[in-house]
Amino acid sequence: MAASLSVLIVEDEPLIAMMLEDFVDALGHTVAGTADTVAGALEKVSEGGFDVVILDVHLRGGEPSWPVADALSDRRVPFLLATGGHVAPPPVRHAAAAVLPKPFTMDSIKTALEASVAAV
């Protein structure tokens, strides 16, 4: 991937969010912002200003992030689903979304970002 991307990170664990920020930066991309709740993420989505989103499947208290995925899909913004143990498949609407399994590696993030942007 030659072009630098602006990446929104939606993750409720602060240490994981910071690690993702470091990885995104190390890959030559820019962190457009972070959110740790569905409400916060929806606000960021409505503001725009990013190319792709790393979206944790479950946020605080097990809150599913599907409303955020729906909003991103409605706006045709690519996203990848970050999950550390999500067992149930995503809703049919998001079945083709790139998946980023935890634990994250630099290579897995690079590959998932490329796949999510290429799919649009």
C-alpha atoms as a PDB file:
ATOM      1  CA  MET A   1       0.000   0.000   0.000  1.00  0.00           C
ATOM      2  CA  ALA A   2       1.668   3.189  -1.186  1.00  0.00           C
ATOM      3  CA  ALA A   3      -0.752   5.834   0.081  1.00  0.00           C
ATOM      4  CA  SER A   4      -0.900   6.885   3.697  1.00  0.00           C
ATOM      5  CA  LEU A   5      -4.278   6.311   5.337  1.00  0.00           C
ATOM      6  CA  SER A   6      -6.087   8.223   8.031  1.00  0.00           C
ATOM      7  CA  VAL A   7      -7.311   5.631  10.552  1.00  0.00           C
ATOM      8  CA  LEU A   8     -10.012   5.932  13.214  1.00  0.00           C
ATOM      9  CA  ILE A   9      -9.522   3.470  16.078  1.00  0.00           C
ATOM     10  CA  VAL A  10     -12.592   2.276  18.005  1.00  0.00           C
ATOM     11  CA  GLU A  11     -11.295   0.265  20.973  1.00  0.00           C
ATOM     12  CA  ASP A  12     -12.346   0.296  24.643  1.00  0.00           C
ATOM     13  CA  GLU A  13      -9.099  -1.010  26.167  1.00  0.00           C
ATOM     14  CA  PRO A  14      -6.701   1.960  26.526  1.00  0.00           C
ATOM     15  CA  LEU A  15      -3.511  -0.114  26.267  1.00  0.00           C
ATOM     16  CA  ILE A  16      -4.738  -1.867  23.129  1.00  0.00           C
ATOM     17  CA  ALA A  17      -5.813   1.465  21.619  1.00  0.00           C
ATOM     18  CA  MET A  18      -2.343   2.902  22.317  1.00  0.00           C
ATOM     19  CA  MET A  19      -0.685  -0.149  20.770  1.00  0.00           C
ATOM     20  CA  LEU A  20      -2.881   0.215  17.668  1.00  0.00           C
ATOM     21  CA  GLU A  21      -1.964   3.894  17.452  1.00  0.00           C
ATOM     22  CA  ASP A  22       1.741   2.977  17.559  1.00  0.00           C
ATOM     23  CA  PHE A  23       1.327   0.273  14.903  1.00  0.00           C
ATOM     24  CA  VAL A  24      -0.695   2.554  12.600  1.00  0.00           C
ATOM     25  CA  ASP A  25       1.954   5.255  12.950  1.00  0.00           C
ATOM     26  CA  ALA A  26       4.811   2.779  12.376  1.00  0.00           C
ATOM     27  CA  LEU A  27       3.090   1.614   9.178  1.00  0.00           C
ATOM     28  CA  GLY A  28       3.208   5.187   7.868  1.00  0.00           C
ATOM     29  CA  HIS A  29      -0.443   6.021   8.440  1.00  0.00           C
ATOM     30  CA  THR A  30      -2.099   8.704  10.567  1.00  0.00           C
ATOM     31  CA  VAL A  31      -4.420   8.180  13.531  1.00  0.00           C
ATOM     32  CA  ALA A  32      -7.481  10.346  12.885  1.00  0.00           C
ATOM     33  CA  GLY A  33      -8.818   9.790  16.391  1.00  0.00           C
ATOM     34  CA  THR A  34     -10.059   7.206  18.829  1.00  0.00           C
ATOM     35  CA  ALA A  35     -13.368   6.278  20.428  1.00  0.00           C
ATOM     36  CA  ASP A  36     -14.165   3.752  23.155  1.00  0.00           C
ATOM     37  CA  THR A  37     -17.979   3.594  23.060  1.00  0.00           C
ATOM     38  CA  VAL A  38     -20.614   3.151  20.376  1.00  0.00           C
ATOM     39  CA  ALA A  39     -21.927   6.683  21.024  1.00  0.00           C
ATOM     40  CA  GLY A  40     -18.442   8.179  20.760  1.00  0.00           C
ATOM     41  CA  ALA A  41     -17.696   6.217  17.604  1.00  0.00           C
ATOM     42  CA  LEU A  42     -20.974   7.261  15.977  1.00  0.00           C
ATOM     43  CA  GLU A  43     -20.107  10.888  16.694  1.00  0.00           C
ATOM     44  CA  LYS A  44     -16.695  10.431  15.033  1.00  0.00           C
ATOM     45  CA  VAL A  45     -18.323   8.701  12.057  1.00  0.00           C
ATOM     46  CA  SER A  46     -20.729  11.610  11.575  1.00  0.00           C
ATOM     47  CA  GLU A  47     -17.777  14.040  11.659  1.00  0.00           C
ATOM     48  CA  GLY A  48     -15.810  12.016   9.071  1.00  0.00           C
ATOM     49  CA  GLY A  49     -12.225  12.861   8.211  1.00  0.00           C
ATOM     50  CA  PHE A  50     -10.736   9.365   8.014  1.00  0.00           C
ATOM     51  CA  ASP A  51     -10.172   6.688   5.367  1.00  0.00           C
ATOM     52  CA  VAL A  52     -10.629   3.462   7.321  1.00  0.00           C
ATOM     53  CA  VAL A  53     -11.678   2.291  10.785  1.00  0.00           C
ATOM     54  CA  ILE A  54     -10.316  -0.389  13.098  1.00  0.00           C
ATOM     55  CA  LEU A  55     -13.504  -1.399  14.921  1.00  0.00           C
ATOM     56  CA  ASP A  56     -13.471  -3.566  18.044  1.00  0.00           C
ATOM     57  CA  VAL A  57     -16.443  -5.946  17.893  1.00  0.00           C
ATOM     58  CA  HIS A  58     -17.328  -5.587  21.590  1.00  0.00           C
ATOM     59  CA  LEU A  59     -16.895  -2.359  23.483  1.00  0.00           C
ATOM     60  CA  ARG A  60     -17.410  -1.503  27.166  1.00  0.00           C
ATOM     61  CA  GLY A  61     -19.716  -3.863  28.991  1.00  0.00           C
ATOM     62  CA  GLY A  62     -19.958  -6.185  25.999  1.00  0.00           C
ATOM     63  CA  GLU A  63     -21.689  -3.493  23.934  1.00  0.00           C
ATOM     64  CA  PRO A  64     -21.708  -4.720  20.313  1.00  0.00           C
ATOM     65  CA  SER A  65     -20.343  -2.258  17.784  1.00  0.00           C
ATOM     66  CA  TRP A  66     -22.713  -3.224  14.945  1.00  0.00           C
ATOM     67  CA  PRO A  67     -24.448   0.197  14.924  1.00  0.00           C
ATOM     68  CA  VAL A  68     -21.039   1.704  14.117  1.00  0.00           C
ATOM     69  CA  ALA A  69     -20.440  -0.882  11.389  1.00  0.00           C
ATOM     70  CA  ASP A  70     -23.882  -0.039   9.967  1.00  0.00           C
ATOM     71  CA  ALA A  71     -23.101   3.700   9.923  1.00  0.00           C
ATOM     72  CA  LEU A  72     -19.749   3.067   8.245  1.00  0.00           C
ATOM     73  CA  SER A  73     -21.337   0.813   5.631  1.00  0.00           C
ATOM     74  CA  ASP A  74     -24.024   3.427   4.949  1.00  0.00           C
ATOM     75  CA  ARG A  75     -21.235   5.945   4.254  1.00  0.00           C
ATOM     76  CA  ARG A  76     -19.150   3.423   2.280  1.00  0.00           C
ATOM     77  CA  VAL A  77     -16.240   3.804   4.697  1.00  0.00           C
ATOM     78  CA  PRO A  78     -14.063   0.691   4.885  1.00  0.00           C
ATOM     79  CA  PHE A  79     -13.519  -0.903   8.272  1.00  0.00           C
ATOM     80  CA  LEU A  80     -12.000  -3.989   9.760  1.00  0.00           C
ATOM     81  CA  LEU A  81     -13.353  -5.920  12.700  1.00  0.00           C
ATOM     82  CA  ALA A  82     -10.945  -6.330  15.591  1.00  0.00           C
ATOM     83  CA  THR A  83     -11.830  -9.256  17.790  1.00  0.00           C
ATOM     84  CA  GLY A  84     -10.249 -11.243  20.563  1.00  0.00           C
ATOM     85  CA  GLY A  85     -12.837 -13.916  20.991  1.00  0.00           C
ATOM     86  CA  HIS A  86     -15.946 -13.047  19.064  1.00  0.00           C
ATOM     87  CA  VAL A  87     -17.569 -16.420  18.479  1.00  0.00           C
ATOM     88  CA  ALA A  88     -20.844 -15.595  16.733  1.00  0.00           C
ATOM     89  CA  PRO A  89     -20.536 -14.548  13.109  1.00  0.00           C
ATOM     90  CA  PRO A  90     -21.106 -10.885  12.311  1.00  0.00           C
ATOM     91  CA  PRO A  91     -24.470  -9.787  10.942  1.00  0.00           C
ATOM     92  CA  VAL A  92     -24.901 -10.801   7.297  1.00  0.00           C
ATOM     93  CA  ARG A  93     -24.441  -7.192   6.210  1.00  0.00           C
ATOM     94  CA  HIS A  94     -20.879  -7.259   7.578  1.00  0.00           C
ATOM     95  CA  ALA A  95     -19.901 -10.846   6.802  1.00  0.00           C
ATOM     96  CA  ALA A  96     -17.349  -9.736   4.194  1.00  0.00           C
ATOM     97  CA  ALA A  97     -15.568  -7.250   6.472  1.00  0.00           C
ATOM     98  CA  ALA A  98     -11.866  -7.839   6.987  1.00  0.00           C
ATOM     99  CA  VAL A  99     -11.120  -9.349  10.396  1.00  0.00           C
ATOM    100  CA  LEU A 100      -8.187  -8.447  12.617  1.00  0.00           C
ATOM    101  CA  PRO A 101      -7.807 -11.145  15.284  1.00  0.00           C
ATOM    102  CA  LYS A 102      -6.180 -10.384  18.628  1.00  0.00           C
ATOM    103  CA  PRO A 103      -3.356 -10.527  19.550  1.00  0.00           C
ATOM    104  CA  PHE A 104      -2.396  -7.936  16.947  1.00  0.00           C
ATOM    105  CA  THR A 105       0.869  -7.928  15.046  1.00  0.00           C
ATOM    106  CA  MET A 106       2.266  -5.293  12.736  1.00  0.00           C
ATOM    107  CA  ASP A 107       1.862  -7.670   9.784  1.00  0.00           C
ATOM    108  CA  SER A 108      -1.733  -8.565  10.648  1.00  0.00           C
ATOM    109  CA  ILE A 109      -2.692  -4.892  10.906  1.00  0.00           C
ATOM    110  CA  LYS A 110      -0.971  -4.085   7.604  1.00  0.00           C
ATOM    111  CA  THR A 111      -2.712  -6.983   5.847  1.00  0.00           C
ATOM    112  CA  ALA A 112      -6.134  -6.195   7.340  1.00  0.00           C
ATOM    113  CA  LEU A 113      -5.905  -2.485   6.467  1.00  0.00           C
ATOM    114  CA  GLU A 114      -4.962  -3.351   2.883  1.00  0.00           C
ATOM    115  CA  ALA A 115      -7.815  -5.874   2.614  1.00  0.00           C
ATOM    116  CA  SER A 116     -10.425  -3.496   4.005  1.00  0.00           C
ATOM    117  CA  VAL A 117      -9.456  -0.627   1.695  1.00  0.00           C
ATOM    118  CA  ALA A 118      -9.206  -2.912  -1.349  1.00  0.00           C
ATOM    119  CA  ALA A 119     -12.712  -4.255  -0.708  1.00  0.00           C
ATOM    120  CA  VAL A 120     -14.340  -0.841  -1.268  1.00  0.00           C
END
